[in-house]
Amino acid sequence: MKLSIIIPMYNAEKYIADCLDSILYSDLPKDEYEVIIINDGSTDKGPEIVKDYVAQNENCRYLTQENKGQSVARNYGIREAKGEYIWCIDSDDYTDSKFKL
């Protein structure tokens, strides 16, 4: 696997779907990357949204922890990553559809 995309998430129900869609519907070959979403103690419906994406996309993983902050969540994702390269993106960001490795 070439790339691990790490997304820490806290109460991101309003924008996590846009973030994930921008990655999953990009030009990246699905077998060359993984998406790791770390729930940092969200109290909204963000985790439910992410679990639906994980169920439909084999290259997505969902991790959860008590609220410890974005840096701790990001580091947790990095420790779990399998990619040769790591890219961190915030849950309220999105990529260009022409994003390539």
PDB file of N, CA and C in Angstrom:
ATOM      1  N   MET A   1       0.848  -1.180   0.000  1.00  0.00           N
ATOM      2  CA  MET A   1       0.000   0.000   0.000  1.00  0.00           C
ATOM      3  C   MET A   1       0.891   1.241   0.000  1.00  0.00           C
ATOM      4  N   LYS A   2       0.543   2.175  -0.842  1.00  0.00           N
ATOM      5  CA  LYS A   2       1.370   3.372  -0.969  1.00  0.00           C
ATOM      6  C   LYS A   2       1.039   4.467   0.037  1.00  0.00           C
ATOM      7  N   LEU A   3      -0.243   4.720   0.280  1.00  0.00           N
ATOM      8  CA  LEU A   3      -0.636   5.915   1.030  1.00  0.00           C
ATOM      9  C   LEU A   3      -1.645   5.594   2.115  1.00  0.00           C
ATOM     10  N   SER A   4      -1.417   6.139   3.289  1.00  0.00           N
ATOM     11  CA  SER A   4      -2.391   6.103   4.381  1.00  0.00           C
ATOM     12  C   SER A   4      -2.870   7.534   4.609  1.00  0.00           C
ATOM     13  N   ILE A   5      -4.174   7.721   4.524  1.00  0.00           N
ATOM     14  CA  ILE A   5      -4.774   9.037   4.743  1.00  0.00           C
ATOM     15  C   ILE A   5      -5.402   9.022   6.125  1.00  0.00           C
ATOM     16  N   ILE A   6      -4.935   9.898   6.988  1.00  0.00           N
ATOM     17  CA  ILE A   6      -5.353   9.941   8.385  1.00  0.00           C
ATOM     18  C   ILE A   6      -6.301  11.122   8.584  1.00  0.00           C
ATOM     19  N   ILE A   7      -7.486  10.834   9.157  1.00  0.00           N
ATOM     20  CA  ILE A   7      -8.486  11.880   9.391  1.00  0.00           C
ATOM     21  C   ILE A   7      -8.951  11.823  10.842  1.00  0.00           C
ATOM     22  N   PRO A   8      -8.451  12.714  11.705  1.00  0.00           N
ATOM     23  CA  PRO A   8      -9.017  12.802  13.049  1.00  0.00           C
ATOM     24  C   PRO A   8     -10.374  13.497  12.979  1.00  0.00           C
ATOM     25  N   MET A   9     -11.314  13.032  13.788  1.00  0.00           N
ATOM     26  CA  MET A   9     -12.670  13.567  13.692  1.00  0.00           C
ATOM     27  C   MET A   9     -13.241  13.833  15.080  1.00  0.00           C
ATOM     28  N   TYR A  10     -13.774  15.028  15.263  1.00  0.00           N
ATOM     29  CA  TYR A  10     -14.517  15.363  16.475  1.00  0.00           C
ATOM     30  C   TYR A  10     -15.723  16.201  16.063  1.00  0.00           C
ATOM     31  N   ASN A  11     -16.909  15.692  16.310  1.00  0.00           N
ATOM     32  CA  ASN A  11     -18.167  16.381  15.981  1.00  0.00           C
ATOM     33  C   ASN A  11     -18.141  16.965  14.562  1.00  0.00           C
ATOM     34  N   ALA A  12     -17.952  16.080  13.603  1.00  0.00           N
ATOM     35  CA  ALA A  12     -17.780  16.494  12.208  1.00  0.00           C
ATOM     36  C   ALA A  12     -18.939  16.060  11.315  1.00  0.00           C
ATOM     37  N   GLU A  13     -20.103  15.816  11.892  1.00  0.00           N
ATOM     38  CA  GLU A  13     -21.206  15.282  11.090  1.00  0.00           C
ATOM     39  C   GLU A  13     -21.586  16.177   9.910  1.00  0.00           C
ATOM     40  N   LYS A  14     -21.343  17.479  10.008  1.00  0.00           N
ATOM     41  CA  LYS A  14     -21.739  18.400   8.943  1.00  0.00           C
ATOM     42  C   LYS A  14     -20.840  18.313   7.715  1.00  0.00           C
ATOM     43  N   TYR A  15     -19.616  17.805   7.871  1.00  0.00           N
ATOM     44  CA  TYR A  15     -18.690  17.851   6.741  1.00  0.00           C
ATOM     45  C   TYR A  15     -17.866  16.591   6.505  1.00  0.00           C
ATOM     46  N   ILE A  16     -17.951  15.580   7.358  1.00  0.00           N
ATOM     47  CA  ILE A  16     -17.121  14.385   7.160  1.00  0.00           C
ATOM     48  C   ILE A  16     -17.471  13.661   5.863  1.00  0.00           C
ATOM     49  N   ALA A  17     -18.734  13.645   5.468  1.00  0.00           N
ATOM     50  CA  ALA A  17     -19.120  12.976   4.218  1.00  0.00           C
ATOM     51  C   ALA A  17     -18.459  13.656   3.015  1.00  0.00           C
ATOM     52  N   ASP A  18     -18.425  14.985   2.996  1.00  0.00           N
ATOM     53  CA  ASP A  18     -17.764  15.702   1.891  1.00  0.00           C
ATOM     54  C   ASP A  18     -16.269  15.374   1.844  1.00  0.00           C
ATOM     55  N   CYS A  19     -15.654  15.299   3.008  1.00  0.00           N
ATOM     56  CA  CYS A  19     -14.233  14.966   3.084  1.00  0.00           C
ATOM     57  C   CYS A  19     -13.994  13.565   2.512  1.00  0.00           C
ATOM     58  N   LEU A  20     -14.761  12.594   2.987  1.00  0.00           N
ATOM     59  CA  LEU A  20     -14.582  11.217   2.528  1.00  0.00           C
ATOM     60  C   LEU A  20     -14.921  11.060   1.047  1.00  0.00           C
ATOM     61  N   ASP A  21     -15.999  11.696   0.606  1.00  0.00           N
ATOM     62  CA  ASP A  21     -16.362  11.625  -0.818  1.00  0.00           C
ATOM     63  C   ASP A  21     -15.245  12.168  -1.702  1.00  0.00           C
ATOM     64  N   SER A  22     -14.634  13.265  -1.278  1.00  0.00           N
ATOM     65  CA  SER A  22     -13.580  13.865  -2.103  1.00  0.00           C
ATOM     66  C   SER A  22     -12.387  12.933  -2.250  1.00  0.00           C
ATOM     67  N   ILE A  23     -12.142  12.113  -1.258  1.00  0.00           N
ATOM     68  CA  ILE A  23     -11.041  11.147  -1.331  1.00  0.00           C
ATOM     69  C   ILE A  23     -11.473   9.906  -2.111  1.00  0.00           C
ATOM     70  N   LEU A  24     -12.598   9.338  -1.722  1.00  0.00           N
ATOM     71  CA  LEU A  24     -13.039   8.063  -2.298  1.00  0.00           C
ATOM     72  C   LEU A  24     -13.447   8.175  -3.764  1.00  0.00           C
ATOM     73  N   TYR A  25     -13.882   9.353  -4.202  1.00  0.00           N
ATOM     74  CA  TYR A  25     -14.265   9.535  -5.604  1.00  0.00           C
ATOM     75  C   TYR A  25     -13.205  10.276  -6.405  1.00  0.00           C
ATOM     76  N   SER A  26     -11.990  10.290  -5.879  1.00  0.00           N
ATOM     77  CA  SER A  26     -10.880  10.917  -6.593  1.00  0.00           C
ATOM     78  C   SER A  26     -10.302   9.917  -7.598  1.00  0.00           C
ATOM     79  N   ASP A  27      -9.254  10.326  -8.271  1.00  0.00           N
ATOM     80  CA  ASP A  27      -8.604   9.476  -9.261  1.00  0.00           C
ATOM     81  C   ASP A  27      -7.609   8.487  -8.641  1.00  0.00           C
ATOM     82  N   LEU A  28      -7.533   8.440  -7.324  1.00  0.00           N
ATOM     83  CA  LEU A  28      -6.612   7.507  -6.672  1.00  0.00           C
ATOM     84  C   LEU A  28      -7.073   6.066  -6.869  1.00  0.00           C
ATOM     85  N   PRO A  29      -6.172   5.166  -7.241  1.00  0.00           N
ATOM     86  CA  PRO A  29      -6.543   3.748  -7.328  1.00  0.00           C
ATOM     87  C   PRO A  29      -6.848   3.212  -5.923  1.00  0.00           C
ATOM     88  N   LYS A  30      -7.999   2.623  -5.741  1.00  0.00           N
ATOM     89  CA  LYS A  30      -8.464   2.200  -4.412  1.00  0.00           C
ATOM     90  C   LYS A  30      -7.533   1.195  -3.735  1.00  0.00           C
ATOM     91  N   ASP A  31      -6.811   0.411  -4.517  1.00  0.00           N
ATOM     92  CA  ASP A  31      -5.929  -0.592  -3.922  1.00  0.00           C
ATOM     93  C   ASP A  31      -4.578  -0.019  -3.487  1.00  0.00           C
ATOM     94  N   GLU A  32      -4.361   1.272  -3.710  1.00  0.00           N
ATOM     95  CA  GLU A  32      -3.080   1.875  -3.351  1.00  0.00           C
ATOM     96  C   GLU A  32      -3.146   2.804  -2.141  1.00  0.00           C
ATOM     97  N   TYR A  33      -4.324   2.918  -1.526  1.00  0.00           N
ATOM     98  CA  TYR A  33      -4.427   3.782  -0.357  1.00  0.00           C
ATOM     99  C   TYR A  33      -5.461   3.253   0.625  1.00  0.00           C
ATOM    100  N   GLU A  34      -5.303   3.696   1.858  1.00  0.00           N
ATOM    101  CA  GLU A  34      -6.279   3.415   2.906  1.00  0.00           C
ATOM    102  C   GLU A  34      -6.670   4.736   3.545  1.00  0.00           C
ATOM    103  N   VAL A  35      -7.876   4.777   4.092  1.00  0.00           N
ATOM    104  CA  VAL A  35      -8.357   5.944   4.816  1.00  0.00           C
ATOM    105  C   VAL A  35      -8.612   5.489   6.248  1.00  0.00           C
ATOM    106  N   ILE A  36      -7.984   6.162   7.194  1.00  0.00           N
ATOM    107  CA  ILE A  36      -8.169   5.838   8.605  1.00  0.00           C
ATOM    108  C   ILE A  36      -8.814   7.041   9.278  1.00  0.00           C
ATOM    109  N   ILE A  37     -10.028   6.846   9.766  1.00  0.00           N
ATOM    110  CA  ILE A  37     -10.758   7.910  10.454  1.00  0.00           C
ATOM    111  C   ILE A  37     -10.734   7.592  11.941  1.00  0.00           C
ATOM    112  N   ILE A  38     -10.283   8.545  12.746  1.00  0.00           N
ATOM    113  CA  ILE A  38     -10.196   8.358  14.180  1.00  0.00           C
ATOM    114  C   ILE A  38     -11.225   9.241  14.863  1.00  0.00           C
ATOM    115  N   ASN A  39     -12.192   8.616  15.502  1.00  0.00           N
ATOM    116  CA  ASN A  39     -13.196   9.340  16.265  1.00  0.00           C
ATOM    117  C   ASN A  39     -12.573   9.748  17.595  1.00  0.00           C
ATOM    118  N   ASP A  40     -12.485  11.036  17.836  1.00  0.00           N
ATOM    119  CA  ASP A  40     -11.882  11.572  19.054  1.00  0.00           C
ATOM    120  C   ASP A  40     -12.974  11.957  20.064  1.00  0.00           C
ATOM    121  N   GLY A  41     -13.869  11.014  20.340  1.00  0.00           N
ATOM    122  CA  GLY A  41     -14.899  11.251  21.345  1.00  0.00           C
ATOM    123  C   GLY A  41     -16.075  12.077  20.859  1.00  0.00           C
ATOM    124  N   SER A  42     -16.419  11.986  19.590  1.00  0.00           N
ATOM    125  CA  SER A  42     -17.533  12.758  19.039  1.00  0.00           C
ATOM    126  C   SER A  42     -18.838  12.457  19.776  1.00  0.00           C
ATOM    127  N   THR A  43     -19.671  13.493  19.889  1.00  0.00           N
ATOM    128  CA  THR A  43     -20.986  13.343  20.522  1.00  0.00           C
ATOM    129  C   THR A  43     -22.115  13.583  19.518  1.00  0.00           C
ATOM    130  N   ASP A  44     -21.776  13.733  18.259  1.00  0.00           N
ATOM    131  CA  ASP A  44     -22.780  13.954  17.215  1.00  0.00           C
ATOM    132  C   ASP A  44     -22.967  12.673  16.401  1.00  0.00           C
ATOM    133  N   LYS A  45     -23.510  12.787  15.199  1.00  0.00           N
ATOM    134  CA  LYS A  45     -23.760  11.613  14.359  1.00  0.00           C
ATOM    135  C   LYS A  45     -22.602  11.296  13.411  1.00  0.00           C
ATOM    136  N   GLY A  46     -21.497  11.980  13.577  1.00  0.00           N
ATOM    137  CA  GLY A  46     -20.324  11.728  12.742  1.00  0.00           C
ATOM    138  C   GLY A  46     -19.893  10.269  12.729  1.00  0.00           C
ATOM    139  N   PRO A  47     -19.794   9.612  13.891  1.00  0.00           N
ATOM    140  CA  PRO A  47     -19.396   8.201  13.890  1.00  0.00           C
ATOM    141  C   PRO A  47     -20.348   7.308  13.084  1.00  0.00           C
ATOM    142  N   GLU A  48     -21.626   7.555  13.140  1.00  0.00           N
ATOM    143  CA  GLU A  48     -22.594   6.762  12.367  1.00  0.00           C
ATOM    144  C   GLU A  48     -22.349   6.940  10.870  1.00  0.00           C
ATOM    145  N   ILE A  49     -22.094   8.170  10.464  1.00  0.00           N
ATOM    146  CA  ILE A  49     -21.812   8.455   9.055  1.00  0.00           C
ATOM    147  C   ILE A  49     -20.568   7.701   8.607  1.00  0.00           C
ATOM    148  N   VAL A  50     -19.519   7.780   9.412  1.00  0.00           N
ATOM    149  CA  VAL A  50     -18.251   7.128   9.062  1.00  0.00           C
ATOM    150  C   VAL A  50     -18.413   5.615   9.015  1.00  0.00           C
ATOM    151  N   LYS A  51     -19.137   5.045   9.950  1.00  0.00           N
ATOM    152  CA  LYS A  51     -19.336   3.594   9.959  1.00  0.00           C
ATOM    153  C   LYS A  51     -20.029   3.126   8.682  1.00  0.00           C
ATOM    154  N   ASP A  52     -20.940   3.924   8.138  1.00  0.00           N
ATOM    155  CA  ASP A  52     -21.571   3.587   6.857  1.00  0.00           C
ATOM    156  C   ASP A  52     -20.538   3.563   5.730  1.00  0.00           C
ATOM    157  N   TYR A  53     -19.642   4.545   5.712  1.00  0.00           N
ATOM    158  CA  TYR A  53     -18.595   4.580   4.693  1.00  0.00           C
ATOM    159  C   TYR A  53     -17.661   3.375   4.828  1.00  0.00           C
ATOM    160  N   VAL A  54     -17.299   3.046   6.052  1.00  0.00           N
ATOM    161  CA  VAL A  54     -16.397   1.917   6.292  1.00  0.00           C
ATOM    162  C   VAL A  54     -17.045   0.613   5.824  1.00  0.00           C
ATOM    163  N   ALA A  55     -18.335   0.463   6.064  1.00  0.00           N
ATOM    164  CA  ALA A  55     -19.047  -0.744   5.640  1.00  0.00           C
ATOM    165  C   ALA A  55     -19.076  -0.892   4.123  1.00  0.00           C
ATOM    166  N   GLN A  56     -19.001   0.222   3.407  1.00  0.00           N
ATOM    167  CA  GLN A  56     -19.096   0.203   1.949  1.00  0.00           C
ATOM    168  C   GLN A  56     -17.749   0.300   1.231  1.00  0.00           C
ATOM    169  N   ASN A  57     -16.683   0.551   1.973  1.00  0.00           N
ATOM    170  CA  ASN A  57     -15.369   0.758   1.361  1.00  0.00           C
ATOM    171  C   ASN A  57     -14.312  -0.045   2.107  1.00  0.00           C
ATOM    172  N   GLU A  58     -13.784  -1.068   1.461  1.00  0.00           N
ATOM    173  CA  GLU A  58     -12.801  -1.941   2.106  1.00  0.00           C
ATOM    174  C   GLU A  58     -11.509  -1.228   2.489  1.00  0.00           C
ATOM    175  N   ASN A  59     -11.225  -0.133   1.852  1.00  0.00           N
ATOM    176  CA  ASN A  59      -9.982   0.584   2.140  1.00  0.00           C
ATOM    177  C   ASN A  59     -10.147   1.658   3.219  1.00  0.00           C
ATOM    178  N   CYS A  60     -11.271   1.634   3.920  1.00  0.00           N
ATOM    179  CA  CYS A  60     -11.510   2.576   5.025  1.00  0.00           C
ATOM    180  C   CYS A  60     -11.534   1.830   6.348  1.00  0.00           C
ATOM    181  N   ARG A  61     -10.935   2.461   7.364  1.00  0.00           N
ATOM    182  CA  ARG A  61     -10.956   1.905   8.719  1.00  0.00           C
ATOM    183  C   ARG A  61     -11.425   2.977   9.697  1.00  0.00           C
ATOM    184  N   TYR A  62     -12.102   2.525  10.731  1.00  0.00           N
ATOM    185  CA  TYR A  62     -12.632   3.415  11.766  1.00  0.00           C
ATOM    186  C   TYR A  62     -12.006   3.034  13.099  1.00  0.00           C
ATOM    187  N   LEU A  63     -11.399   4.002  13.745  1.00  0.00           N
ATOM    188  CA  LEU A  63     -10.839   3.826  15.077  1.00  0.00           C
ATOM    189  C   LEU A  63     -11.514   4.822  16.012  1.00  0.00           C
ATOM    190  N   THR A  64     -11.539   4.517  17.282  1.00  0.00           N
ATOM    191  CA  THR A  64     -12.164   5.430  18.223  1.00  0.00           C
ATOM    192  C   THR A  64     -11.344   5.523  19.507  1.00  0.00           C
ATOM    193  N   GLN A  65     -11.431   6.670  20.139  1.00  0.00           N
ATOM    194  CA  GLN A  65     -10.756   6.906  21.416  1.00  0.00           C
ATOM    195  C   GLN A  65     -11.555   7.930  22.200  1.00  0.00           C
ATOM    196  N   GLU A  66     -11.283   8.013  23.500  1.00  0.00           N
ATOM    197  CA  GLU A  66     -11.863   9.093  24.298  1.00  0.00           C
ATOM    198  C   GLU A  66     -11.293  10.400  23.790  1.00  0.00           C
ATOM    199  N   ASN A  67     -11.990  11.496  24.042  1.00  0.00           N
ATOM    200  CA  ASN A  67     -11.526  12.801  23.581  1.00  0.00           C
ATOM    201  C   ASN A  67     -10.187  13.138  24.218  1.00  0.00           C
ATOM    202  N   LYS A  68      -9.152  13.170  23.366  1.00  0.00           N
ATOM    203  CA  LYS A  68      -7.793  13.493  23.814  1.00  0.00           C
ATOM    204  C   LYS A  68      -7.165  14.574  22.952  1.00  0.00           C
ATOM    205  N   GLY A  69      -7.901  15.025  21.948  1.00  0.00           N
ATOM    206  CA  GLY A  69      -7.391  16.069  21.073  1.00  0.00           C
ATOM    207  C   GLY A  69      -6.947  15.546  19.727  1.00  0.00           C
ATOM    208  N   GLN A  70      -6.907  16.461  18.782  1.00  0.00           N
ATOM    209  CA  GLN A  70      -6.599  16.135  17.392  1.00  0.00           C
ATOM    210  C   GLN A  70      -5.208  15.522  17.226  1.00  0.00           C
ATOM    211  N   SER A  71      -4.230  16.029  17.942  1.00  0.00           N
ATOM    212  CA  SER A  71      -2.859  15.516  17.797  1.00  0.00           C
ATOM    213  C   SER A  71      -2.751  14.071  18.250  1.00  0.00           C
ATOM    214  N   VAL A  72      -3.384  13.741  19.361  1.00  0.00           N
ATOM    215  CA  VAL A  72      -3.352  12.371  19.866  1.00  0.00           C
ATOM    216  C   VAL A  72      -4.089  11.444  18.898  1.00  0.00           C
ATOM    217  N   ALA A  73      -5.225  11.894  18.391  1.00  0.00           N
ATOM    218  CA  ALA A  73      -5.978  11.102  17.421  1.00  0.00           C
ATOM    219  C   ALA A  73      -5.161  10.875  16.152  1.00  0.00           C
ATOM    220  N   ARG A  74      -4.516  11.908  15.674  1.00  0.00           N
ATOM    221  CA  ARG A  74      -3.695  11.793  14.464  1.00  0.00           C
ATOM    222  C   ARG A  74      -2.549  10.798  14.702  1.00  0.00           C
ATOM    223  N   ASN A  75      -1.893  10.896  15.839  1.00  0.00           N
ATOM    224  CA  ASN A  75      -0.792   9.979  16.146  1.00  0.00           C
ATOM    225  C   ASN A  75      -1.277   8.533  16.246  1.00  0.00           C
ATOM    226  N   TYR A  76      -2.464   8.318  16.780  1.00  0.00           N
ATOM    227  CA  TYR A  76      -3.062   6.984  16.839  1.00  0.00           C
ATOM    228  C   TYR A  76      -3.231   6.440  15.421  1.00  0.00           C
ATOM    229  N   GLY A  77      -3.756   7.249  14.530  1.00  0.00           N
ATOM    230  CA  GLY A  77      -3.920   6.839  13.143  1.00  0.00           C
ATOM    231  C   GLY A  77      -2.591   6.530  12.479  1.00  0.00           C
ATOM    232  N   ILE A  78      -1.591   7.328  12.747  1.00  0.00           N
ATOM    233  CA  ILE A  78      -0.262   7.108  12.165  1.00  0.00           C
ATOM    234  C   ILE A  78       0.310   5.774  12.642  1.00  0.00           C
ATOM    235  N   ARG A  79       0.132   5.472  13.914  1.00  0.00           N
ATOM    236  CA  ARG A  79       0.621   4.187  14.440  1.00  0.00           C
ATOM    237  C   ARG A  79      -0.064   2.994  13.765  1.00  0.00           C
ATOM    238  N   GLU A  80      -1.311   3.164  13.385  1.00  0.00           N
ATOM    239  CA  GLU A  80      -2.084   2.078  12.767  1.00  0.00           C
ATOM    240  C   GLU A  80      -1.917   2.022  11.247  1.00  0.00           C
ATOM    241  N   ALA A  81      -1.284   3.009  10.669  1.00  0.00           N
ATOM    242  CA  ALA A  81      -1.161   3.121   9.214  1.00  0.00           C
ATOM    243  C   ALA A  81      -0.280   2.024   8.630  1.00  0.00           C
ATOM    244  N   LYS A  82      -0.636   1.590   7.418  1.00  0.00           N
ATOM    245  CA  LYS A  82       0.105   0.550   6.708  1.00  0.00           C
ATOM    246  C   LYS A  82       0.777   1.078   5.445  1.00  0.00           C
ATOM    247  N   GLY A  83       0.520   2.327   5.106  1.00  0.00           N
ATOM    248  CA  GLY A  83       1.052   2.888   3.870  1.00  0.00           C
ATOM    249  C   GLY A  83       2.511   3.271   3.956  1.00  0.00           C
ATOM    250  N   GLU A  84       3.129   3.326   2.800  1.00  0.00           N
ATOM    251  CA  GLU A  84       4.517   3.772   2.689  1.00  0.00           C
ATOM    252  C   GLU A  84       4.617   5.270   3.009  1.00  0.00           C
ATOM    253  N   TYR A  85       3.568   6.009   2.628  1.00  0.00           N
ATOM    254  CA  TYR A  85       3.493   7.437   2.885  1.00  0.00           C
ATOM    255  C   TYR A  85       2.250   7.726   3.719  1.00  0.00           C
ATOM    256  N   ILE A  86       2.300   8.815   4.467  1.00  0.00           N
ATOM    257  CA  ILE A  86       1.176   9.213   5.310  1.00  0.00           C
ATOM    258  C   ILE A  86       0.784  10.633   4.962  1.00  0.00           C
ATOM    259  N   TRP A  87      -0.520  10.838   4.848  1.00  0.00           N
ATOM    260  CA  TRP A  87      -1.067  12.171   4.600  1.00  0.00           C
ATOM    261  C   TRP A  87      -2.159  12.423   5.625  1.00  0.00           C
ATOM    262  N   CYS A  88      -2.066  13.515   6.332  1.00  0.00           N
ATOM    263  CA  CYS A  88      -3.076  13.899   7.325  1.00  0.00           C
ATOM    264  C   CYS A  88      -3.954  14.998   6.743  1.00  0.00           C
ATOM    265  N   ILE A  89      -5.255  14.823   6.914  1.00  0.00           N
ATOM    266  CA  ILE A  89      -6.220  15.805   6.448  1.00  0.00           C
ATOM    267  C   ILE A  89      -7.243  16.009   7.559  1.00  0.00           C
ATOM    268  N   ASP A  90      -7.716  17.223   7.718  1.00  0.00           N
ATOM    269  CA  ASP A  90      -8.743  17.505   8.717  1.00  0.00           C
ATOM    270  C   ASP A  90     -10.108  17.084   8.191  1.00  0.00           C
ATOM    271  N   SER A  91     -11.014  16.765   9.084  1.00  0.00           N
ATOM    272  CA  SER A  91     -12.334  16.259   8.701  1.00  0.00           C
ATOM    273  C   SER A  91     -13.196  17.300   7.991  1.00  0.00           C
ATOM    274  N   ASP A  92     -12.829  18.568   8.061  1.00  0.00           N
ATOM    275  CA  ASP A  92     -13.598  19.606   7.369  1.00  0.00           C
ATOM    276  C   ASP A  92     -12.915  20.071   6.080  1.00  0.00           C
ATOM    277  N   ASP A  93     -11.885  19.332   5.643  1.00  0.00           N
ATOM    278  CA  ASP A  93     -11.197  19.625   4.385  1.00  0.00           C
ATOM    279  C   ASP A  93     -11.646  18.640   3.318  1.00  0.00           C
ATOM    280  N   TYR A  94     -11.295  18.913   2.079  1.00  0.00           N
ATOM    281  CA  TYR A  94     -11.570  17.984   0.991  1.00  0.00           C
ATOM    282  C   TYR A  94     -10.491  18.133  -0.061  1.00  0.00           C
ATOM    283  N   THR A  95     -10.401  17.129  -0.934  1.00  0.00           N
ATOM    284  CA  THR A  95      -9.360  17.119  -1.956  1.00  0.00           C
ATOM    285  C   THR A  95      -9.947  17.435  -3.322  1.00  0.00           C
ATOM    286  N   ASP A  96      -9.081  17.714  -4.241  1.00  0.00           N
ATOM    287  CA  ASP A  96      -9.455  17.882  -5.634  1.00  0.00           C
ATOM    288  C   ASP A  96      -9.679  16.498  -6.238  1.00  0.00           C
ATOM    289  N   SER A  97     -10.624  16.340  -7.108  1.00  0.00           N
ATOM    290  CA  SER A  97     -10.934  15.038  -7.697  1.00  0.00           C
ATOM    291  C   SER A  97      -9.791  14.495  -8.546  1.00  0.00           C
ATOM    292  N   LYS A  98      -8.892  15.346  -8.963  1.00  0.00           N
ATOM    293  CA  LYS A  98      -7.764  14.925  -9.790  1.00  0.00           C
ATOM    294  C   LYS A  98      -6.536  14.555  -8.953  1.00  0.00           C
ATOM    295  N   PHE A  99      -6.721  14.457  -7.655  1.00  0.00           N
ATOM    296  CA  PHE A  99      -5.645  14.079  -6.750  1.00  0.00           C
ATOM    297  C   PHE A  99      -5.074  12.721  -7.164  1.00  0.00           C
ATOM    298  N   LYS A 100      -3.760  12.624  -7.318  1.00  0.00           N
ATOM    299  CA  LYS A 100      -3.103  11.395  -7.750  1.00  0.00           C
ATOM    300  C   LYS A 100      -1.858  11.148  -6.925  1.00  0.00           C
ATOM    301  N   LEU A 101      -1.429   9.900  -6.926  1.00  0.00           N
ATOM    302  CA  LEU A 101      -0.179   9.530  -6.250  1.00  0.00           C
ATOM    303  C   LEU A 101       0.996   9.816  -7.146  1.00  0.00           C
TER     304      LEU A 101
END
